[in-house]
Amino acid sequence: KKHPRTARRFVEATARAIEWARSTPRETVVARCIELMKK
């Protein structure tokens, strides 16, 4: 109620990431995650 735009961006970002991971080759997703963990 206090942060409706922030909440919307949070859900939109999550939704886009789920679909990116679904449509991207597994090896690419894993490599991206490993790099993120290092950073």
PDB file of all heavy atoms in Angstrom:
ATOM      1  N   LYS A   1       0.831  -1.213   0.000  1.00  0.00           N
ATOM      2  CA  LYS A   1       0.000   0.000   0.000  1.00  0.00           C
ATOM      3  C   LYS A   1       0.861   1.256   0.000  1.00  0.00           C
ATOM      4  O   LYS A   1       0.549   2.250  -0.671  1.00  0.00           O
ATOM      5  CB  LYS A   1      -0.919  -0.006   1.222  1.00  0.00           C
ATOM      6  CG  LYS A   1      -1.891   1.159   1.259  1.00  0.00           C
ATOM      7  CD  LYS A   1      -2.844   1.034   2.449  1.00  0.00           C
ATOM      8  CE  LYS A   1      -3.834   2.184   2.471  1.00  0.00           C
ATOM      9  NZ  LYS A   1      -4.770   2.071   3.633  1.00  0.00           N
ATOM     10  N   LYS A   2       1.970   1.220   0.719  1.00  0.00           N
ATOM     11  CA  LYS A   2       2.854   2.372   0.829  1.00  0.00           C
ATOM     12  C   LYS A   2       3.819   2.476  -0.340  1.00  0.00           C
ATOM     13  O   LYS A   2       4.271   3.574  -0.691  1.00  0.00           O
ATOM     14  CB  LYS A   2       3.640   2.280   2.145  1.00  0.00           C
ATOM     15  CG  LYS A   2       4.459   3.521   2.479  1.00  0.00           C
ATOM     16  CD  LYS A   2       5.114   3.372   3.846  1.00  0.00           C
ATOM     17  CE  LYS A   2       5.929   4.608   4.210  1.00  0.00           C
ATOM     18  NZ  LYS A   2       6.573   4.468   5.543  1.00  0.00           N
ATOM     19  N   HIS A   3       4.149   1.347  -0.982  1.00  0.00           N
ATOM     20  CA  HIS A   3       5.143   1.324  -2.058  1.00  0.00           C
ATOM     21  C   HIS A   3       4.606   0.583  -3.299  1.00  0.00           C
ATOM     22  O   HIS A   3       5.213  -0.386  -3.757  1.00  0.00           O
ATOM     23  CB  HIS A   3       6.431   0.628  -1.590  1.00  0.00           C
ATOM     24  CG  HIS A   3       6.997   1.158  -0.313  1.00  0.00           C
ATOM     25  ND1 HIS A   3       6.605   0.706   0.924  1.00  0.00           N
ATOM     26  CD2 HIS A   3       7.955   2.095  -0.094  1.00  0.00           C
ATOM     27  CE1 HIS A   3       7.294   1.347   1.865  1.00  0.00           C
ATOM     28  NE2 HIS A   3       8.121   2.189   1.276  1.00  0.00           N
ATOM     29  N   PRO A   4       3.498   1.015  -3.860  1.00  0.00           N
ATOM     30  CA  PRO A   4       2.896   0.256  -4.969  1.00  0.00           C
ATOM     31  C   PRO A   4       3.768   0.195  -6.218  1.00  0.00           C
ATOM     32  O   PRO A   4       3.834  -0.846  -6.883  1.00  0.00           O
ATOM     33  CB  PRO A   4       1.588   1.001  -5.241  1.00  0.00           C
ATOM     34  CG  PRO A   4       1.830   2.387  -4.716  1.00  0.00           C
ATOM     35  CD  PRO A   4       2.693   2.216  -3.518  1.00  0.00           C
ATOM     36  N   ARG A   5       4.464   1.271  -6.552  1.00  0.00           N
ATOM     37  CA  ARG A   5       5.316   1.251  -7.751  1.00  0.00           C
ATOM     38  C   ARG A   5       6.528   0.340  -7.539  1.00  0.00           C
ATOM     39  O   ARG A   5       6.953  -0.373  -8.444  1.00  0.00           O
ATOM     40  CB  ARG A   5       5.767   2.668  -8.097  1.00  0.00           C
ATOM     41  CG  ARG A   5       4.645   3.595  -8.531  1.00  0.00           C
ATOM     42  CD  ARG A   5       5.208   4.928  -9.032  1.00  0.00           C
ATOM     43  NE  ARG A   5       4.153   5.865  -9.367  1.00  0.00           N
ATOM     44  CZ  ARG A   5       3.640   6.741  -8.524  1.00  0.00           C
ATOM     45  NH1 ARG A   5       4.096   6.808  -7.277  1.00  0.00           N
ATOM     46  NH2 ARG A   5       2.665   7.572  -8.901  1.00  0.00           N
ATOM     47  N   THR A   6       7.063   0.385  -6.339  1.00  0.00           N
ATOM     48  CA  THR A   6       8.196  -0.485  -6.019  1.00  0.00           C
ATOM     49  C   THR A   6       7.768  -1.948  -6.073  1.00  0.00           C
ATOM     50  O   THR A   6       8.492  -2.799  -6.613  1.00  0.00           O
ATOM     51  CB  THR A   6       8.747  -0.150  -4.621  1.00  0.00           C
ATOM     52  OG1 THR A   6       9.156   1.222  -4.596  1.00  0.00           O
ATOM     53  CG2 THR A   6       9.927  -1.033  -4.277  1.00  0.00           C
ATOM     54  N   ALA A   7       6.616  -2.256  -5.514  1.00  0.00           N
ATOM     55  CA  ALA A   7       6.108  -3.624  -5.538  1.00  0.00           C
ATOM     56  C   ALA A   7       5.889  -4.097  -6.968  1.00  0.00           C
ATOM     57  O   ALA A   7       6.215  -5.242  -7.317  1.00  0.00           O
ATOM     58  CB  ALA A   7       4.803  -3.710  -4.743  1.00  0.00           C
ATOM     59  N   ARG A   8       5.360  -3.206  -7.809  1.00  0.00           N
ATOM     60  CA  ARG A   8       5.134  -3.584  -9.209  1.00  0.00           C
ATOM     61  C   ARG A   8       6.458  -3.867  -9.920  1.00  0.00           C
ATOM     62  O   ARG A   8       6.578  -4.855 -10.648  1.00  0.00           O
ATOM     63  CB  ARG A   8       4.369  -2.472  -9.930  1.00  0.00           C
ATOM     64  CG  ARG A   8       4.050  -2.813 -11.390  1.00  0.00           C
ATOM     65  CD  ARG A   8       3.193  -1.739 -12.032  1.00  0.00           C
ATOM     66  NE  ARG A   8       1.897  -1.639 -11.388  1.00  0.00           N
ATOM     67  CZ  ARG A   8       0.858  -2.424 -11.665  1.00  0.00           C
ATOM     68  NH1 ARG A   8       0.988  -3.377 -12.593  1.00  0.00           N
ATOM     69  NH2 ARG A   8      -0.295  -2.262 -11.040  1.00  0.00           N
ATOM     70  N   ARG A   9       7.462  -3.018  -9.697  1.00  0.00           N
ATOM     71  CA  ARG A   9       8.747  -3.255 -10.327  1.00  0.00           C
ATOM     72  C   ARG A   9       9.371  -4.569  -9.845  1.00  0.00           C
ATOM     73  O   ARG A   9       9.976  -5.307 -10.621  1.00  0.00           O
ATOM     74  CB  ARG A   9       9.698  -2.073 -10.058  1.00  0.00           C
ATOM     75  CG  ARG A   9      11.145  -2.257 -10.572  1.00  0.00           C
ATOM     76  CD  ARG A   9      11.218  -2.609 -12.061  1.00  0.00           C
ATOM     77  NE  ARG A   9      10.631  -1.613 -12.909  1.00  0.00           N
ATOM     78  CZ  ARG A   9      11.262  -0.552 -13.412  1.00  0.00           C
ATOM     79  NH1 ARG A   9      12.542  -0.369 -13.130  1.00  0.00           N
ATOM     80  NH2 ARG A   9      10.637   0.298 -14.195  1.00  0.00           N
ATOM     81  N   PHE A  10       9.218  -4.866  -8.553  1.00  0.00           N
ATOM     82  CA  PHE A  10       9.735  -6.112  -7.990  1.00  0.00           C
ATOM     83  C   PHE A  10       9.119  -7.319  -8.701  1.00  0.00           C
ATOM     84  O   PHE A  10       9.827  -8.251  -9.111  1.00  0.00           O
ATOM     85  CB  PHE A  10       9.422  -6.174  -6.487  1.00  0.00           C
ATOM     86  CG  PHE A  10       9.676  -7.510  -5.853  1.00  0.00           C
ATOM     87  CD1 PHE A  10      10.944  -7.870  -5.448  1.00  0.00           C
ATOM     88  CD2 PHE A  10       8.634  -8.410  -5.663  1.00  0.00           C
ATOM     89  CE1 PHE A  10      11.191  -9.110  -4.865  1.00  0.00           C
ATOM     90  CE2 PHE A  10       8.867  -9.654  -5.084  1.00  0.00           C
ATOM     91  CZ  PHE A  10      10.144  -9.996  -4.691  1.00  0.00           C
ATOM     92  N   VAL A  11       7.805  -7.317  -8.859  1.00  0.00           N
ATOM     93  CA  VAL A  11       7.118  -8.446  -9.500  1.00  0.00           C
ATOM     94  C   VAL A  11       7.486  -8.517 -10.978  1.00  0.00           C
ATOM     95  O   VAL A  11       7.752  -9.603 -11.515  1.00  0.00           O
ATOM     96  CB  VAL A  11       5.596  -8.327  -9.320  1.00  0.00           C
ATOM     97  CG1 VAL A  11       4.876  -9.413 -10.121  1.00  0.00           C
ATOM     98  CG2 VAL A  11       5.221  -8.428  -7.842  1.00  0.00           C
ATOM     99  N   GLU A  12       7.500  -7.383 -11.653  1.00  0.00           N
ATOM    100  CA  GLU A  12       7.859  -7.365 -13.077  1.00  0.00           C
ATOM    101  C   GLU A  12       9.261  -7.907 -13.291  1.00  0.00           C
ATOM    102  O   GLU A  12       9.501  -8.689 -14.227  1.00  0.00           O
ATOM    103  CB  GLU A  12       7.763  -5.937 -13.606  1.00  0.00           C
ATOM    104  CG  GLU A  12       6.341  -5.406 -13.736  1.00  0.00           C
ATOM    105  CD  GLU A  12       6.302  -3.938 -14.139  1.00  0.00           C
ATOM    106  OE1 GLU A  12       7.354  -3.270 -14.064  1.00  0.00           O
ATOM    107  OE2 GLU A  12       5.218  -3.469 -14.522  1.00  0.00           O
ATOM    108  N   ALA A  13      10.196  -7.488 -12.457  1.00  0.00           N
ATOM    109  CA  ALA A  13      11.577  -7.939 -12.595  1.00  0.00           C
ATOM    110  C   ALA A  13      11.687  -9.450 -12.367  1.00  0.00           C
ATOM    111  O   ALA A  13      12.376 -10.158 -13.109  1.00  0.00           O
ATOM    112  CB  ALA A  13      12.466  -7.192 -11.603  1.00  0.00           C
ATOM    113  N   THR A  14      10.997  -9.944 -11.340  1.00  0.00           N
ATOM    114  CA  THR A  14      11.002 -11.380 -11.066  1.00  0.00           C
ATOM    115  C   THR A  14      10.426 -12.151 -12.242  1.00  0.00           C
ATOM    116  O   THR A  14      10.981 -13.170 -12.677  1.00  0.00           O
ATOM    117  CB  THR A  14      10.185 -11.686  -9.797  1.00  0.00           C
ATOM    118  OG1 THR A  14      10.725 -10.964  -8.681  1.00  0.00           O
ATOM    119  CG2 THR A  14      10.194 -13.174  -9.483  1.00  0.00           C
ATOM    120  N   ALA A  15       9.303 -11.660 -12.767  1.00  0.00           N
ATOM    121  CA  ALA A  15       8.640 -12.326 -13.889  1.00  0.00           C
ATOM    122  C   ALA A  15       9.556 -12.393 -15.110  1.00  0.00           C
ATOM    123  O   ALA A  15       9.662 -13.434 -15.778  1.00  0.00           O
ATOM    124  CB  ALA A  15       7.345 -11.586 -14.237  1.00  0.00           C
ATOM    125  N   ARG A  16      10.219 -11.293 -15.410  1.00  0.00           N
ATOM    126  CA  ARG A  16      11.117 -11.262 -16.577  1.00  0.00           C
ATOM    127  C   ARG A  16      12.308 -12.197 -16.393  1.00  0.00           C
ATOM    128  O   ARG A  16      12.734 -12.872 -17.337  1.00  0.00           O
ATOM    129  CB  ARG A  16      11.593  -9.831 -16.823  1.00  0.00           C
ATOM    130  CG  ARG A  16      10.527  -8.874 -17.298  1.00  0.00           C
ATOM    131  CD  ARG A  16      11.087  -7.478 -17.490  1.00  0.00           C
ATOM    132  NE  ARG A  16      12.081  -7.435 -18.568  1.00  0.00           N
ATOM    133  CZ  ARG A  16      12.851  -6.370 -18.833  1.00  0.00           C
ATOM    134  NH1 ARG A  16      12.750  -5.283 -18.069  1.00  0.00           N
ATOM    135  NH2 ARG A  16      13.707  -6.414 -19.829  1.00  0.00           N
ATOM    136  N   ALA A  17      12.835 -12.256 -15.177  1.00  0.00           N
ATOM    137  CA  ALA A  17      13.982 -13.137 -14.908  1.00  0.00           C
ATOM    138  C   ALA A  17      13.586 -14.608 -15.045  1.00  0.00           C
ATOM    139  O   ALA A  17      14.359 -15.423 -15.562  1.00  0.00           O
ATOM    140  CB  ALA A  17      14.534 -12.866 -13.514  1.00  0.00           C
ATOM    141  N   ILE A  18      12.399 -14.956 -14.577  1.00  0.00           N
ATOM    142  CA  ILE A  18      11.922 -16.337 -14.700  1.00  0.00           C
ATOM    143  C   ILE A  18      11.831 -16.737 -16.169  1.00  0.00           C
ATOM    144  O   ILE A  18      12.262 -17.830 -16.569  1.00  0.00           O
ATOM    145  CB  ILE A  18      10.557 -16.494 -14.005  1.00  0.00           C
ATOM    146  CG1 ILE A  18      10.737 -16.446 -12.483  1.00  0.00           C
ATOM    147  CG2 ILE A  18       9.874 -17.797 -14.419  1.00  0.00           C
ATOM    148  CD1 ILE A  18       9.437 -16.371 -11.712  1.00  0.00           C
ATOM    149  N   GLU A  19      11.286 -15.840 -16.982  1.00  0.00           N
ATOM    150  CA  GLU A  19      11.147 -16.153 -18.408  1.00  0.00           C
ATOM    151  C   GLU A  19      12.496 -16.131 -19.127  1.00  0.00           C
ATOM    152  O   GLU A  19      12.711 -16.900 -20.072  1.00  0.00           O
ATOM    153  CB  GLU A  19      10.158 -15.194 -19.058  1.00  0.00           C
ATOM    154  CG  GLU A  19       8.722 -15.433 -18.621  1.00  0.00           C
ATOM    155  CD  GLU A  19       8.311 -16.896 -18.757  1.00  0.00           C
ATOM    156  OE1 GLU A  19       8.436 -17.455 -19.869  1.00  0.00           O
ATOM    157  OE2 GLU A  19       7.895 -17.491 -17.740  1.00  0.00           O
ATOM    158  N   TRP A  20      13.411 -15.274 -18.682  1.00  0.00           N
ATOM    159  CA  TRP A  20      14.762 -15.277 -19.264  1.00  0.00           C
ATOM    160  C   TRP A  20      15.431 -16.619 -18.994  1.00  0.00           C
ATOM    161  O   TRP A  20      16.035 -17.224 -19.889  1.00  0.00           O
ATOM    162  CB  TRP A  20      15.594 -14.144 -18.674  1.00  0.00           C
ATOM    163  CG  TRP A  20      16.986 -14.068 -19.243  1.00  0.00           C
ATOM    164  CD1 TRP A  20      17.376 -13.404 -20.370  1.00  0.00           C
ATOM    165  CD2 TRP A  20      18.172 -14.690 -18.711  1.00  0.00           C
ATOM    166  NE1 TRP A  20      18.730 -13.574 -20.579  1.00  0.00           N
ATOM    167  CE2 TRP A  20      19.248 -14.354 -19.586  1.00  0.00           C
ATOM    168  CE3 TRP A  20      18.434 -15.482 -17.600  1.00  0.00           C
ATOM    169  CZ2 TRP A  20      20.550 -14.789 -19.361  1.00  0.00           C
ATOM    170  CZ3 TRP A  20      19.731 -15.924 -17.381  1.00  0.00           C
ATOM    171  CH2 TRP A  20      20.770 -15.576 -18.251  1.00  0.00           C
ATOM    172  N   ALA A  21      15.326 -17.099 -17.757  1.00  0.00           N
ATOM    173  CA  ALA A  21      15.941 -18.377 -17.405  1.00  0.00           C
ATOM    174  C   ALA A  21      15.273 -19.534 -18.141  1.00  0.00           C
ATOM    175  O   ALA A  21      15.926 -20.517 -18.501  1.00  0.00           O
ATOM    176  CB  ALA A  21      15.842 -18.594 -15.894  1.00  0.00           C
ATOM    177  N   ARG A  22      13.971 -19.414 -18.394  1.00  0.00           N
ATOM    178  CA  ARG A  22      13.244 -20.481 -19.074  1.00  0.00           C
ATOM    179  C   ARG A  22      13.639 -20.586 -20.551  1.00  0.00           C
ATOM    180  O   ARG A  22      13.677 -21.680 -21.123  1.00  0.00           O
ATOM    181  CB  ARG A  22      11.734 -20.228 -18.959  1.00  0.00           C
ATOM    182  CG  ARG A  22      10.875 -21.464 -19.191  1.00  0.00           C
ATOM    183  CD  ARG A  22       9.410 -21.088 -19.390  1.00  0.00           C
ATOM    184  NE  ARG A  22       8.834 -20.321 -18.318  1.00  0.00           N
ATOM    185  CZ  ARG A  22       8.257 -20.820 -17.228  1.00  0.00           C
ATOM    186  NH1 ARG A  22       8.213 -22.127 -17.062  1.00  0.00           N
ATOM    187  NH2 ARG A  22       7.714 -20.028 -16.314  1.00  0.00           N
ATOM    188  N   SER A  23      13.916 -19.438 -21.173  1.00  0.00           N
ATOM    189  CA  SER A  23      14.165 -19.408 -22.617  1.00  0.00           C
ATOM    190  C   SER A  23      15.652 -19.376 -22.984  1.00  0.00           C
ATOM    191  O   SER A  23      15.998 -19.444 -24.161  1.00  0.00           O
ATOM    192  CB  SER A  23      13.478 -18.187 -23.234  1.00  0.00           C
ATOM    193  OG  SER A  23      13.999 -16.980 -22.679  1.00  0.00           O
ATOM    194  N   THR A  24      16.523 -19.285 -22.000  1.00  0.00           N
ATOM    195  CA  THR A  24      17.963 -19.183 -22.236  1.00  0.00           C
ATOM    196  C   THR A  24      18.624 -20.547 -22.052  1.00  0.00           C
ATOM    197  O   THR A  24      18.235 -21.303 -21.155  1.00  0.00           O
ATOM    198  CB  THR A  24      18.586 -18.166 -21.259  1.00  0.00           C
ATOM    199  OG1 THR A  24      17.946 -16.888 -21.442  1.00  0.00           O
ATOM    200  CG2 THR A  24      20.076 -18.014 -21.484  1.00  0.00           C
ATOM    201  N   PRO A  25      19.603 -20.892 -22.864  1.00  0.00           N
ATOM    202  CA  PRO A  25      20.296 -22.174 -22.683  1.00  0.00           C
ATOM    203  C   PRO A  25      20.797 -22.345 -21.253  1.00  0.00           C
ATOM    204  O   PRO A  25      21.306 -21.391 -20.646  1.00  0.00           O
ATOM    205  CB  PRO A  25      21.461 -22.091 -23.678  1.00  0.00           C
ATOM    206  CG  PRO A  25      20.955 -21.181 -24.752  1.00  0.00           C
ATOM    207  CD  PRO A  25      20.108 -20.163 -24.054  1.00  0.00           C
ATOM    208  N   ARG A  26      20.655 -23.543 -20.726  1.00  0.00           N
ATOM    209  CA  ARG A  26      21.016 -23.817 -19.345  1.00  0.00           C
ATOM    210  C   ARG A  26      22.446 -23.408 -19.036  1.00  0.00           C
ATOM    211  O   ARG A  26      22.724 -22.826 -17.981  1.00  0.00           O
ATOM    212  CB  ARG A  26      20.829 -25.313 -19.067  1.00  0.00           C
ATOM    213  CG  ARG A  26      21.319 -25.747 -17.692  1.00  0.00           C
ATOM    214  CD  ARG A  26      21.214 -27.240 -17.480  1.00  0.00           C
ATOM    215  NE  ARG A  26      21.901 -27.623 -16.258  1.00  0.00           N
ATOM    216  CZ  ARG A  26      23.206 -27.864 -16.167  1.00  0.00           C
ATOM    217  NH1 ARG A  26      23.972 -27.770 -17.249  1.00  0.00           N
ATOM    218  NH2 ARG A  26      23.750 -28.194 -15.006  1.00  0.00           N
ATOM    219  N   GLU A  27      23.365 -23.698 -19.929  1.00  0.00           N
ATOM    220  CA  GLU A  27      24.775 -23.379 -19.692  1.00  0.00           C
ATOM    221  C   GLU A  27      24.976 -21.878 -19.500  1.00  0.00           C
ATOM    222  O   GLU A  27      25.804 -21.448 -18.685  1.00  0.00           O
ATOM    223  CB  GLU A  27      25.638 -23.876 -20.852  1.00  0.00           C
ATOM    224  CG  GLU A  27      25.664 -25.384 -21.023  1.00  0.00           C
ATOM    225  CD  GLU A  27      24.389 -25.953 -21.640  1.00  0.00           C
ATOM    226  OE1 GLU A  27      23.586 -25.145 -22.163  1.00  0.00           O
ATOM    227  OE2 GLU A  27      24.193 -27.179 -21.582  1.00  0.00           O
ATOM    228  N   THR A  28      24.219 -21.081 -20.243  1.00  0.00           N
ATOM    229  CA  THR A  28      24.319 -19.627 -20.123  1.00  0.00           C
ATOM    230  C   THR A  28      23.794 -19.154 -18.776  1.00  0.00           C
ATOM    231  O   THR A  28      24.374 -18.273 -18.133  1.00  0.00           O
ATOM    232  CB  THR A  28      23.546 -18.946 -21.263  1.00  0.00           C
ATOM    233  OG1 THR A  28      24.049 -19.398 -22.520  1.00  0.00           O
ATOM    234  CG2 THR A  28      23.673 -17.431 -21.188  1.00  0.00           C
ATOM    235  N   VAL A  29      22.669 -19.741 -18.332  1.00  0.00           N
ATOM    236  CA  VAL A  29      22.095 -19.368 -17.036  1.00  0.00           C
ATOM    237  C   VAL A  29      23.060 -19.720 -15.912  1.00  0.00           C
ATOM    238  O   VAL A  29      23.308 -18.911 -15.012  1.00  0.00           O
ATOM    239  CB  VAL A  29      20.739 -20.061 -16.820  1.00  0.00           C
ATOM    240  CG1 VAL A  29      20.181 -19.694 -15.444  1.00  0.00           C
ATOM    241  CG2 VAL A  29      19.750 -19.681 -17.905  1.00  0.00           C
ATOM    242  N   VAL A  30      23.604 -20.915 -15.958  1.00  0.00           N
ATOM    243  CA  VAL A  30      24.532 -21.364 -14.910  1.00  0.00           C
ATOM    244  C   VAL A  30      25.766 -20.464 -14.866  1.00  0.00           C
ATOM    245  O   VAL A  30      26.209 -20.046 -13.785  1.00  0.00           O
ATOM    246  CB  VAL A  30      24.938 -22.829 -15.133  1.00  0.00           C
ATOM    247  CG1 VAL A  30      26.080 -23.222 -14.191  1.00  0.00           C
ATOM    248  CG2 VAL A  30      23.748 -23.752 -14.915  1.00  0.00           C
ATOM    249  N   ALA A  31      26.318 -20.145 -16.024  1.00  0.00           N
ATOM    250  CA  ALA A  31      27.500 -19.281 -16.074  1.00  0.00           C
ATOM    251  C   ALA A  31      27.199 -17.914 -15.491  1.00  0.00           C
ATOM    252  O   ALA A  31      28.020 -17.330 -14.769  1.00  0.00           O
ATOM    253  CB  ALA A  31      27.982 -19.146 -17.516  1.00  0.00           C
ATOM    254  N   ARG A  32      26.013 -17.392 -15.800  1.00  0.00           N
ATOM    255  CA  ARG A  32      25.621 -16.079 -15.272  1.00  0.00           C
ATOM    256  C   ARG A  32      25.499 -16.137 -13.749  1.00  0.00           C
ATOM    257  O   ARG A  32      25.934 -15.220 -13.039  1.00  0.00           O
ATOM    258  CB  ARG A  32      24.283 -15.657 -15.882  1.00  0.00           C
ATOM    259  CG  ARG A  32      23.803 -14.269 -15.462  1.00  0.00           C
ATOM    260  CD  ARG A  32      24.113 -13.274 -16.514  1.00  0.00           C
ATOM    261  NE  ARG A  32      23.914 -11.907 -16.083  1.00  0.00           N
ATOM    262  CZ  ARG A  32      23.754 -10.887 -16.936  1.00  0.00           C
ATOM    263  NH1 ARG A  32      23.745 -11.109 -18.244  1.00  0.00           N
ATOM    264  NH2 ARG A  32      23.622  -9.653 -16.503  1.00  0.00           N
ATOM    265  N   CYS A  33      24.905 -17.197 -13.233  1.00  0.00           N
ATOM    266  CA  CYS A  33      24.734 -17.341 -11.788  1.00  0.00           C
ATOM    267  C   CYS A  33      26.074 -17.475 -11.070  1.00  0.00           C
ATOM    268  O   CYS A  33      26.278 -16.885 -10.005  1.00  0.00           O
ATOM    269  CB  CYS A  33      23.848 -18.543 -11.488  1.00  0.00           C
ATOM    270  SG  CYS A  33      22.109 -18.329 -11.947  1.00  0.00           S
ATOM    271  N   ILE A  34      26.975 -18.238 -11.656  1.00  0.00           N
ATOM    272  CA  ILE A  34      28.294 -18.403 -11.044  1.00  0.00           C
ATOM    273  C   ILE A  34      29.029 -17.068 -11.001  1.00  0.00           C
ATOM    274  O   ILE A  34      29.653 -16.713  -9.990  1.00  0.00           O
ATOM    275  CB  ILE A  34      29.109 -19.459 -11.812  1.00  0.00           C
ATOM    276  CG1 ILE A  34      28.509 -20.843 -11.595  1.00  0.00           C
ATOM    277  CG2 ILE A  34      30.573 -19.446 -11.360  1.00  0.00           C
ATOM    278  CD1 ILE A  34      29.170 -21.942 -12.400  1.00  0.00           C
ATOM    279  N   GLU A  35      28.959 -16.321 -12.074  1.00  0.00           N
ATOM    280  CA  GLU A  35      29.609 -15.003 -12.113  1.00  0.00           C
ATOM    281  C   GLU A  35      28.996 -14.067 -11.084  1.00  0.00           C
ATOM    282  O   GLU A  35      29.696 -13.296 -10.420  1.00  0.00           O
ATOM    283  CB  GLU A  35      29.485 -14.411 -13.520  1.00  0.00           C
ATOM    284  CG  GLU A  35      30.246 -13.108 -13.714  1.00  0.00           C
ATOM    285  CD  GLU A  35      31.737 -13.239 -13.487  1.00  0.00           C
ATOM    286  OE1 GLU A  35      32.289 -14.345 -13.727  1.00  0.00           O
ATOM    287  OE2 GLU A  35      32.367 -12.250 -13.061  1.00  0.00           O
ATOM    288  N   LEU A  36      27.669 -14.118 -10.946  1.00  0.00           N
ATOM    289  CA  LEU A  36      26.986 -13.286  -9.952  1.00  0.00           C
ATOM    290  C   LEU A  36      27.438 -13.648  -8.544  1.00  0.00           C
ATOM    291  O   LEU A  36      27.692 -12.765  -7.710  1.00  0.00           O
ATOM    292  CB  LEU A  36      25.476 -13.460 -10.086  1.00  0.00           C
ATOM    293  CG  LEU A  36      24.598 -12.867  -8.978  1.00  0.00           C
ATOM    294  CD1 LEU A  36      24.861 -11.374  -8.819  1.00  0.00           C
ATOM    295  CD2 LEU A  36      23.121 -13.131  -9.267  1.00  0.00           C
ATOM    296  N   MET A  37      27.556 -14.935  -8.260  1.00  0.00           N
ATOM    297  CA  MET A  37      28.000 -15.363  -6.939  1.00  0.00           C
ATOM    298  C   MET A  37      29.413 -14.872  -6.640  1.00  0.00           C
ATOM    299  O   MET A  37      29.732 -14.503  -5.503  1.00  0.00           O
ATOM    300  CB  MET A  37      27.913 -16.879  -6.839  1.00  0.00           C
ATOM    301  CG  MET A  37      26.480 -17.405  -6.790  1.00  0.00           C
ATOM    302  SD  MET A  37      26.350 -19.202  -6.980  1.00  0.00           S
ATOM    303  CE  MET A  37      27.286 -19.768  -5.576  1.00  0.00           C
ATOM    304  N   LYS A  38      30.261 -14.842  -7.636  1.00  0.00           N
ATOM    305  CA  LYS A  38      31.619 -14.329  -7.444  1.00  0.00           C
ATOM    306  C   LYS A  38      31.586 -12.832  -7.131  1.00  0.00           C
ATOM    307  O   LYS A  38      32.322 -12.352  -6.261  1.00  0.00           O
ATOM    308  CB  LYS A  38      32.456 -14.590  -8.687  1.00  0.00           C
ATOM    309  CG  LYS A  38      32.781 -16.055  -8.932  1.00  0.00           C
ATOM    310  CD  LYS A  38      33.569 -16.225 -10.229  1.00  0.00           C
ATOM    311  CE  LYS A  38      33.906 -17.685 -10.483  1.00  0.00           C
ATOM    312  NZ  LYS A  38      34.619 -17.878 -11.777  1.00  0.00           N
ATOM    313  N   LYS A  39      30.729 -12.104  -7.837  1.00  0.00           N
ATOM    314  CA  LYS A  39      30.675 -10.646  -7.665  1.00  0.00           C
ATOM    315  C   LYS A  39      30.135 -10.246  -6.305  1.00  0.00           C
ATOM    316  O   LYS A  39      30.560  -9.220  -5.747  1.00  0.00           O
ATOM    317  CB  LYS A  39      29.795 -10.022  -8.769  1.00  0.00           C
ATOM    318  CG  LYS A  39      30.425 -10.032 -10.140  1.00  0.00           C
ATOM    319  CD  LYS A  39      29.630  -9.194 -11.132  1.00  0.00           C
ATOM    320  CE  LYS A  39      28.241  -9.750 -11.362  1.00  0.00           C
ATOM    321  NZ  LYS A  39      27.514  -8.986 -12.406  1.00  0.00           N
TER     322      LYS A  39
END
